[in-house]
Amino acid sequence: MMKRYILLFIGLLLFGFLQAQNSGSSNLLIHNDAVRSGVGLGSVIAVVASWSRNNSILWAILHGILSWLYVIYFAITRD
């Protein structure tokens, strides 16, 4: 079970890396808007994982701020 989450995490990292490499000047404006909005993929995954484990809005907000750090912790400690 844990192996599946680690593979999913690695796949998401590779996907993000490839997307960053493929973004050219035509996608520069779109990328800047997404960065300015403040909500990234790591934050969304962290909030969903935190909510599924704790059912607490305060923990979900804190884990959303920590984003990828919590996602890695969640993947390692998940049963």
PDB file of N, CA and C in Angstrom:
ATOM      1  N   MET A   1       0.834  -1.196   0.000  1.00  0.00           N
ATOM      2  CA  MET A   1       0.000   0.000   0.000  1.00  0.00           C
ATOM      3  C   MET A   1       0.875   1.255   0.000  1.00  0.00           C
ATOM      4  N   MET A   2       1.899   1.259   0.864  1.00  0.00           N
ATOM      5  CA  MET A   2       2.767   2.425   0.948  1.00  0.00           C
ATOM      6  C   MET A   2       3.574   2.594  -0.336  1.00  0.00           C
ATOM      7  N   LYS A   3       3.917   1.493  -0.960  1.00  0.00           N
ATOM      8  CA  LYS A   3       4.680   1.550  -2.206  1.00  0.00           C
ATOM      9  C   LYS A   3       3.897   2.300  -3.277  1.00  0.00           C
ATOM     10  N   ARG A   4       2.593   2.112  -3.289  1.00  0.00           N
ATOM     11  CA  ARG A   4       1.748   2.785  -4.268  1.00  0.00           C
ATOM     12  C   ARG A   4       1.764   4.299  -4.056  1.00  0.00           C
ATOM     13  N   TYR A   5       1.735   4.742  -2.806  1.00  0.00           N
ATOM     14  CA  TYR A   5       1.756   6.173  -2.524  1.00  0.00           C
ATOM     15  C   TYR A   5       3.114   6.788  -2.847  1.00  0.00           C
ATOM     16  N   ILE A   6       4.173   6.050  -2.600  1.00  0.00           N
ATOM     17  CA  ILE A   6       5.495   6.557  -2.941  1.00  0.00           C
ATOM     18  C   ILE A   6       5.630   6.693  -4.452  1.00  0.00           C
ATOM     19  N   LEU A   7       5.139   5.708  -5.193  1.00  0.00           N
ATOM     20  CA  LEU A   7       5.179   5.790  -6.654  1.00  0.00           C
ATOM     21  C   LEU A   7       4.316   6.943  -7.161  1.00  0.00           C
ATOM     22  N   LEU A   8       3.167   7.157  -6.545  1.00  0.00           N
ATOM     23  CA  LEU A   8       2.307   8.279  -6.921  1.00  0.00           C
ATOM     24  C   LEU A   8       3.021   9.603  -6.663  1.00  0.00           C
ATOM     25  N   PHE A   9       3.673   9.707  -5.521  1.00  0.00           N
ATOM     26  CA  PHE A   9       4.403  10.930  -5.178  1.00  0.00           C
ATOM     27  C   PHE A   9       5.526  11.197  -6.171  1.00  0.00           C
ATOM     28  N   ILE A  10       6.285  10.167  -6.505  1.00  0.00           N
ATOM     29  CA  ILE A  10       7.376  10.320  -7.468  1.00  0.00           C
ATOM     30  C   ILE A  10       6.819  10.710  -8.840  1.00  0.00           C
ATOM     31  N   GLY A  11       5.701  10.104  -9.224  1.00  0.00           N
ATOM     32  CA  GLY A  11       5.068  10.451 -10.499  1.00  0.00           C
ATOM     33  C   GLY A  11       4.620  11.898 -10.531  1.00  0.00           C
ATOM     34  N   LEU A  12       4.051  12.386  -9.430  1.00  0.00           N
ATOM     35  CA  LEU A  12       3.631  13.789  -9.378  1.00  0.00           C
ATOM     36  C   LEU A  12       4.824  14.731  -9.463  1.00  0.00           C
ATOM     37  N   LEU A  13       5.914  14.372  -8.798  1.00  0.00           N
ATOM     38  CA  LEU A  13       7.113  15.203  -8.882  1.00  0.00           C
ATOM     39  C   LEU A  13       7.667  15.244 -10.301  1.00  0.00           C
ATOM     40  N   LEU A  14       7.715  14.089 -10.955  1.00  0.00           N
ATOM     41  CA  LEU A  14       8.209  14.046 -12.330  1.00  0.00           C
ATOM     42  C   LEU A  14       7.309  14.831 -13.272  1.00  0.00           C
ATOM     43  N   PHE A  15       6.003  14.695 -13.075  1.00  0.00           N
ATOM     44  CA  PHE A  15       5.055  15.434 -13.904  1.00  0.00           C
ATOM     45  C   PHE A  15       5.257  16.938 -13.736  1.00  0.00           C
ATOM     46  N   GLY A  16       5.403  17.390 -12.499  1.00  0.00           N
ATOM     47  CA  GLY A  16       5.638  18.807 -12.249  1.00  0.00           C
ATOM     48  C   GLY A  16       6.938  19.290 -12.850  1.00  0.00           C
ATOM     49  N   PHE A  17       7.980  18.462 -12.759  1.00  0.00           N
ATOM     50  CA  PHE A  17       9.272  18.822 -13.330  1.00  0.00           C
ATOM     51  C   PHE A  17       9.175  18.934 -14.850  1.00  0.00           C
ATOM     52  N   LEU A  18       8.499  17.985 -15.469  1.00  0.00           N
ATOM     53  CA  LEU A  18       8.363  18.025 -16.926  1.00  0.00           C
ATOM     54  C   LEU A  18       7.521  19.213 -17.371  1.00  0.00           C
ATOM     55  N   GLN A  19       6.500  19.543 -16.618  1.00  0.00           N
ATOM     56  CA  GLN A  19       5.679  20.700 -16.960  1.00  0.00           C
ATOM     57  C   GLN A  19       6.492  21.984 -16.848  1.00  0.00           C
ATOM     58  N   ALA A  20       7.344  22.064 -15.834  1.00  0.00           N
ATOM     59  CA  ALA A  20       8.174  23.259 -15.662  1.00  0.00           C
ATOM     60  C   ALA A  20       9.176  23.386 -16.807  1.00  0.00           C
ATOM     61  N   GLN A  21       9.691  22.261 -17.295  1.00  0.00           N
ATOM     62  CA  GLN A  21      10.657  22.289 -18.386  1.00  0.00           C
ATOM     63  C   GLN A  21      10.003  22.662 -19.712  1.00  0.00           C
ATOM     64  N   ASN A  22       8.749  22.267 -19.901  1.00  0.00           N
ATOM     65  CA  ASN A  22       8.062  22.502 -21.174  1.00  0.00           C
ATOM     66  C   ASN A  22       7.410  23.874 -21.267  1.00  0.00           C
ATOM     67  N   SER A  23       7.360  24.615 -20.175  1.00  0.00           N
ATOM     68  CA  SER A  23       6.695  25.913 -20.235  1.00  0.00           C
ATOM     69  C   SER A  23       7.590  26.908 -20.963  1.00  0.00           C
ATOM     70  N   GLY A  24       7.086  27.385 -22.073  1.00  0.00           N
ATOM     71  CA  GLY A  24       7.843  28.341 -22.882  1.00  0.00           C
ATOM     72  C   GLY A  24       7.350  29.745 -22.630  1.00  0.00           C
ATOM     73  N   SER A  25       7.711  30.659 -23.499  1.00  0.00           N
ATOM     74  CA  SER A  25       7.314  32.053 -23.322  1.00  0.00           C
ATOM     75  C   SER A  25       5.809  32.224 -23.510  1.00  0.00           C
ATOM     76  N   SER A  26       5.164  31.347 -24.288  1.00  0.00           N
ATOM     77  CA  SER A  26       3.717  31.478 -24.492  1.00  0.00           C
ATOM     78  C   SER A  26       2.945  31.136 -23.225  1.00  0.00           C
ATOM     79  N   ASN A  27       3.507  30.288 -22.380  1.00  0.00           N
ATOM     80  CA  ASN A  27       2.844  29.906 -21.138  1.00  0.00           C
ATOM     81  C   ASN A  27       3.309  30.736 -19.952  1.00  0.00           C
ATOM     82  N   LEU A  28       4.161  31.700 -20.180  1.00  0.00           N
ATOM     83  CA  LEU A  28       4.733  32.473 -19.092  1.00  0.00           C
ATOM     84  C   LEU A  28       3.665  33.254 -18.337  1.00  0.00           C
ATOM     85  N   LEU A  29       2.727  33.862 -19.037  1.00  0.00           N
ATOM     86  CA  LEU A  29       1.677  34.625 -18.371  1.00  0.00           C
ATOM     87  C   LEU A  29       0.775  33.725 -17.548  1.00  0.00           C
ATOM     88  N   ILE A  30       0.444  32.567 -18.058  1.00  0.00           N
ATOM     89  CA  ILE A  30      -0.402  31.624 -17.324  1.00  0.00           C
ATOM     90  C   ILE A  30       0.320  31.150 -16.073  1.00  0.00           C
ATOM     91  N   HIS A  31       1.599  30.839 -16.202  1.00  0.00           N
ATOM     92  CA  HIS A  31       2.394  30.377 -15.062  1.00  0.00           C
ATOM     93  C   HIS A  31       2.475  31.455 -13.983  1.00  0.00           C
ATOM     94  N   ASN A  32       2.694  32.700 -14.374  1.00  0.00           N
ATOM     95  CA  ASN A  32       2.789  33.782 -13.397  1.00  0.00           C
ATOM     96  C   ASN A  32       1.479  33.977 -12.654  1.00  0.00           C
ATOM     97  N   ASP A  33       0.345  33.848 -13.332  1.00  0.00           N
ATOM     98  CA  ASP A  33      -0.945  33.973 -12.662  1.00  0.00           C
ATOM     99  C   ASP A  33      -1.158  32.843 -11.663  1.00  0.00           C
ATOM    100  N   ALA A  34      -0.755  31.636 -12.019  1.00  0.00           N
ATOM    101  CA  ALA A  34      -0.926  30.509 -11.109  1.00  0.00           C
ATOM    102  C   ALA A  34      -0.050  30.664  -9.880  1.00  0.00           C
ATOM    103  N   VAL A  35       1.137  31.176 -10.047  1.00  0.00           N
ATOM    104  CA  VAL A  35       2.037  31.369  -8.906  1.00  0.00           C
ATOM    105  C   VAL A  35       1.503  32.474  -8.003  1.00  0.00           C
ATOM    106  N   ARG A  36       0.970  33.518  -8.587  1.00  0.00           N
ATOM    107  CA  ARG A  36       0.442  34.610  -7.779  1.00  0.00           C
ATOM    108  C   ARG A  36      -0.796  34.222  -6.986  1.00  0.00           C
ATOM    109  N   SER A  37      -1.565  33.246  -7.452  1.00  0.00           N
ATOM    110  CA  SER A  37      -2.785  32.889  -6.739  1.00  0.00           C
ATOM    111  C   SER A  37      -2.486  32.253  -5.394  1.00  0.00           C
ATOM    112  N   GLY A  38      -1.333  31.637  -5.233  1.00  0.00           N
ATOM    113  CA  GLY A  38      -0.922  31.115  -3.938  1.00  0.00           C
ATOM    114  C   GLY A  38      -1.376  29.708  -3.637  1.00  0.00           C
ATOM    115  N   VAL A  39      -2.141  29.092  -4.505  1.00  0.00           N
ATOM    116  CA  VAL A  39      -2.611  27.733  -4.274  1.00  0.00           C
ATOM    117  C   VAL A  39      -1.930  26.827  -5.283  1.00  0.00           C
ATOM    118  N   GLY A  40      -1.103  25.931  -4.775  1.00  0.00           N
ATOM    119  CA  GLY A  40      -0.392  25.015  -5.642  1.00  0.00           C
ATOM    120  C   GLY A  40      -0.891  23.596  -5.476  1.00  0.00           C
ATOM    121  N   LEU A  41      -0.362  22.729  -6.293  1.00  0.00           N
ATOM    122  CA  LEU A  41      -0.745  21.321  -6.241  1.00  0.00           C
ATOM    123  C   LEU A  41      -0.409  20.704  -4.889  1.00  0.00           C
ATOM    124  N   GLY A  42       0.747  21.051  -4.334  1.00  0.00           N
ATOM    125  CA  GLY A  42       1.144  20.515  -3.036  1.00  0.00           C
ATOM    126  C   GLY A  42       0.192  20.922  -1.928  1.00  0.00           C
ATOM    127  N   SER A  43      -0.277  22.155  -1.960  1.00  0.00           N
ATOM    128  CA  SER A  43      -1.217  22.632  -0.950  1.00  0.00           C
ATOM    129  C   SER A  43      -2.547  21.903  -1.036  1.00  0.00           C
ATOM    130  N   VAL A  44      -3.008  21.693  -2.249  1.00  0.00           N
ATOM    131  CA  VAL A  44      -4.289  21.002  -2.430  1.00  0.00           C
ATOM    132  C   VAL A  44      -4.194  19.557  -1.951  1.00  0.00           C
ATOM    133  N   ILE A  45      -3.121  18.869  -2.318  1.00  0.00           N
ATOM    134  CA  ILE A  45      -2.941  17.480  -1.873  1.00  0.00           C
ATOM    135  C   ILE A  45      -2.824  17.423  -0.360  1.00  0.00           C
ATOM    136  N   ALA A  46      -2.086  18.361   0.237  1.00  0.00           N
ATOM    137  CA  ALA A  46      -1.906  18.382   1.688  1.00  0.00           C
ATOM    138  C   ALA A  46      -3.230  18.606   2.411  1.00  0.00           C
ATOM    139  N   VAL A  47      -4.045  19.518   1.917  1.00  0.00           N
ATOM    140  CA  VAL A  47      -5.337  19.797   2.564  1.00  0.00           C
ATOM    141  C   VAL A  47      -6.259  18.587   2.472  1.00  0.00           C
ATOM    142  N   VAL A  48      -6.306  17.947   1.311  1.00  0.00           N
ATOM    143  CA  VAL A  48      -7.167  16.771   1.149  1.00  0.00           C
ATOM    144  C   VAL A  48      -6.690  15.623   2.034  1.00  0.00           C
ATOM    145  N   ALA A  49      -5.387  15.393   2.071  1.00  0.00           N
ATOM    146  CA  ALA A  49      -4.840  14.318   2.914  1.00  0.00           C
ATOM    147  C   ALA A  49      -5.081  14.611   4.387  1.00  0.00           C
ATOM    148  N   SER A  50      -4.885  15.858   4.790  1.00  0.00           N
ATOM    149  CA  SER A  50      -5.108  16.228   6.181  1.00  0.00           C
ATOM    150  C   SER A  50      -6.576  16.081   6.568  1.00  0.00           C
ATOM    151  N   TRP A  51      -7.466  16.497   5.694  1.00  0.00           N
ATOM    152  CA  TRP A  51      -8.896  16.384   5.996  1.00  0.00           C
ATOM    153  C   TRP A  51      -9.318  14.921   6.107  1.00  0.00           C
ATOM    154  N   SER A  52      -8.764  14.072   5.233  1.00  0.00           N
ATOM    155  CA  SER A  52      -9.135  12.654   5.278  1.00  0.00           C
ATOM    156  C   SER A  52      -8.623  11.986   6.549  1.00  0.00           C
ATOM    157  N   ARG A  53      -7.519  12.468   7.094  1.00  0.00           N
ATOM    158  CA  ARG A  53      -6.973  11.874   8.312  1.00  0.00           C
ATOM    159  C   ARG A  53      -7.564  12.487   9.575  1.00  0.00           C
ATOM    160  N   ASN A  54      -7.707  13.825   9.629  1.00  0.00           N
ATOM    161  CA  ASN A  54      -8.052  14.507  10.883  1.00  0.00           C
ATOM    162  C   ASN A  54      -9.471  15.061  10.961  1.00  0.00           C
ATOM    163  N   ASN A  55     -10.102  15.320   9.838  1.00  0.00           N
ATOM    164  CA  ASN A  55     -11.422  15.974   9.803  1.00  0.00           C
ATOM    165  C   ASN A  55     -11.427  17.279  10.598  1.00  0.00           C
ATOM    166  N   SER A  56     -10.381  18.088  10.437  1.00  0.00           N
ATOM    167  CA  SER A  56     -10.249  19.349  11.151  1.00  0.00           C
ATOM    168  C   SER A  56      -9.828  20.439  10.177  1.00  0.00           C
ATOM    169  N   ILE A  57     -10.563  21.545  10.200  1.00  0.00           N
ATOM    170  CA  ILE A  57     -10.247  22.652   9.304  1.00  0.00           C
ATOM    171  C   ILE A  57      -8.927  23.308   9.701  1.00  0.00           C
ATOM    172  N   LEU A  58      -8.683  23.458  11.002  1.00  0.00           N
ATOM    173  CA  LEU A  58      -7.444  24.097  11.445  1.00  0.00           C
ATOM    174  C   LEU A  58      -6.210  23.289  11.037  1.00  0.00           C
ATOM    175  N   TRP A  59      -6.271  21.967  11.201  1.00  0.00           N
ATOM    176  CA  TRP A  59      -5.146  21.131  10.774  1.00  0.00           C
ATOM    177  C   TRP A  59      -4.989  21.193   9.255  1.00  0.00           C
ATOM    178  N   ALA A  60      -6.099  21.225   8.535  1.00  0.00           N
ATOM    179  CA  ALA A  60      -6.026  21.290   7.072  1.00  0.00           C
ATOM    180  C   ALA A  60      -5.366  22.590   6.614  1.00  0.00           C
ATOM    181  N   ILE A  61      -5.672  23.697   7.270  1.00  0.00           N
ATOM    182  CA  ILE A  61      -5.048  24.976   6.925  1.00  0.00           C
ATOM    183  C   ILE A  61      -3.547  24.932   7.213  1.00  0.00           C
ATOM    184  N   LEU A  62      -3.178  24.424   8.379  1.00  0.00           N
ATOM    185  CA  LEU A  62      -1.761  24.332   8.734  1.00  0.00           C
ATOM    186  C   LEU A  62      -1.009  23.436   7.758  1.00  0.00           C
ATOM    187  N   HIS A  63      -1.588  22.301   7.438  1.00  0.00           N
ATOM    188  CA  HIS A  63      -0.929  21.381   6.512  1.00  0.00           C
ATOM    189  C   HIS A  63      -0.906  21.940   5.092  1.00  0.00           C
ATOM    190  N   GLY A  64      -1.892  22.732   4.720  1.00  0.00           N
ATOM    191  CA  GLY A  64      -1.872  23.397   3.421  1.00  0.00           C
ATOM    192  C   GLY A  64      -0.736  24.392   3.315  1.00  0.00           C
ATOM    193  N   ILE A  65      -0.419  25.066   4.424  1.00  0.00           N
ATOM    194  CA  ILE A  65       0.712  25.996   4.445  1.00  0.00           C
ATOM    195  C   ILE A  65       2.030  25.231   4.306  1.00  0.00           C
ATOM    196  N   LEU A  66       2.118  24.086   4.976  1.00  0.00           N
ATOM    197  CA  LEU A  66       3.340  23.279   4.902  1.00  0.00           C
ATOM    198  C   LEU A  66       3.459  22.543   3.566  1.00  0.00           C
ATOM    199  N   SER A  67       2.370  22.356   2.892  1.00  0.00           N
ATOM    200  CA  SER A  67       2.208  21.718   1.584  1.00  0.00           C
ATOM    201  C   SER A  67       3.038  20.457   1.392  1.00  0.00           C
ATOM    202  N   TRP A  68       4.095  20.487   0.583  1.00  0.00           N
ATOM    203  CA  TRP A  68       4.809  19.265   0.222  1.00  0.00           C
ATOM    204  C   TRP A  68       5.457  18.579   1.413  1.00  0.00           C
ATOM    205  N   LEU A  69       5.831  19.343   2.440  1.00  0.00           N
ATOM    206  CA  LEU A  69       6.402  18.702   3.632  1.00  0.00           C
ATOM    207  C   LEU A  69       5.386  17.752   4.263  1.00  0.00           C
ATOM    208  N   TYR A  70       4.133  18.211   4.357  1.00  0.00           N
ATOM    209  CA  TYR A  70       3.106  17.345   4.930  1.00  0.00           C
ATOM    210  C   TYR A  70       2.757  16.192   3.991  1.00  0.00           C
ATOM    211  N   VAL A  71       2.772  16.419   2.704  1.00  0.00           N
ATOM    212  CA  VAL A  71       2.466  15.346   1.757  1.00  0.00           C
ATOM    213  C   VAL A  71       3.489  14.230   1.891  1.00  0.00           C
ATOM    214  N   ILE A  72       4.769  14.572   2.020  1.00  0.00           N
ATOM    215  CA  ILE A  72       5.803  13.545   2.197  1.00  0.00           C
ATOM    216  C   ILE A  72       5.608  12.835   3.526  1.00  0.00           C
ATOM    217  N   TYR A  73       5.337  13.583   4.595  1.00  0.00           N
ATOM    218  CA  TYR A  73       5.089  12.967   5.909  1.00  0.00           C
ATOM    219  C   TYR A  73       3.874  12.046   5.850  1.00  0.00           C
ATOM    220  N   PHE A  74       2.829  12.485   5.200  1.00  0.00           N
ATOM    221  CA  PHE A  74       1.615  11.686   5.085  1.00  0.00           C
ATOM    222  C   PHE A  74       1.890  10.382   4.327  1.00  0.00           C
ATOM    223  N   ALA A  75       2.666  10.476   3.262  1.00  0.00           N
ATOM    224  CA  ALA A  75       2.969   9.284   2.458  1.00  0.00           C
ATOM    225  C   ALA A  75       3.817   8.289   3.245  1.00  0.00           C
ATOM    226  N   ILE A  76       4.719   8.787   4.067  1.00  0.00           N
ATOM    227  CA  ILE A  76       5.604   7.898   4.830  1.00  0.00           C
ATOM    228  C   ILE A  76       4.870   7.246   5.988  1.00  0.00           C
ATOM    229  N   THR A  77       4.010   8.000   6.673  1.00  0.00           N
ATOM    230  CA  THR A  77       3.377   7.489   7.891  1.00  0.00           C
ATOM    231  C   THR A  77       2.015   6.845   7.669  1.00  0.00           C
ATOM    232  N   ARG A  78       1.518   6.847   6.463  1.00  0.00           N
ATOM    233  CA  ARG A  78       0.187   6.274   6.199  1.00  0.00           C
ATOM    234  C   ARG A  78       0.213   4.774   6.361  1.00  0.00           C
ATOM    235  N   ASP A  79      -0.809   4.232   6.991  1.00  0.00           N
ATOM    236  CA  ASP A  79      -0.913   2.771   7.187  1.00  0.00           C
ATOM    237  C   ASP A  79      -1.309   2.064   5.932  1.00  0.00           C
TER     238      ASP A  79
END
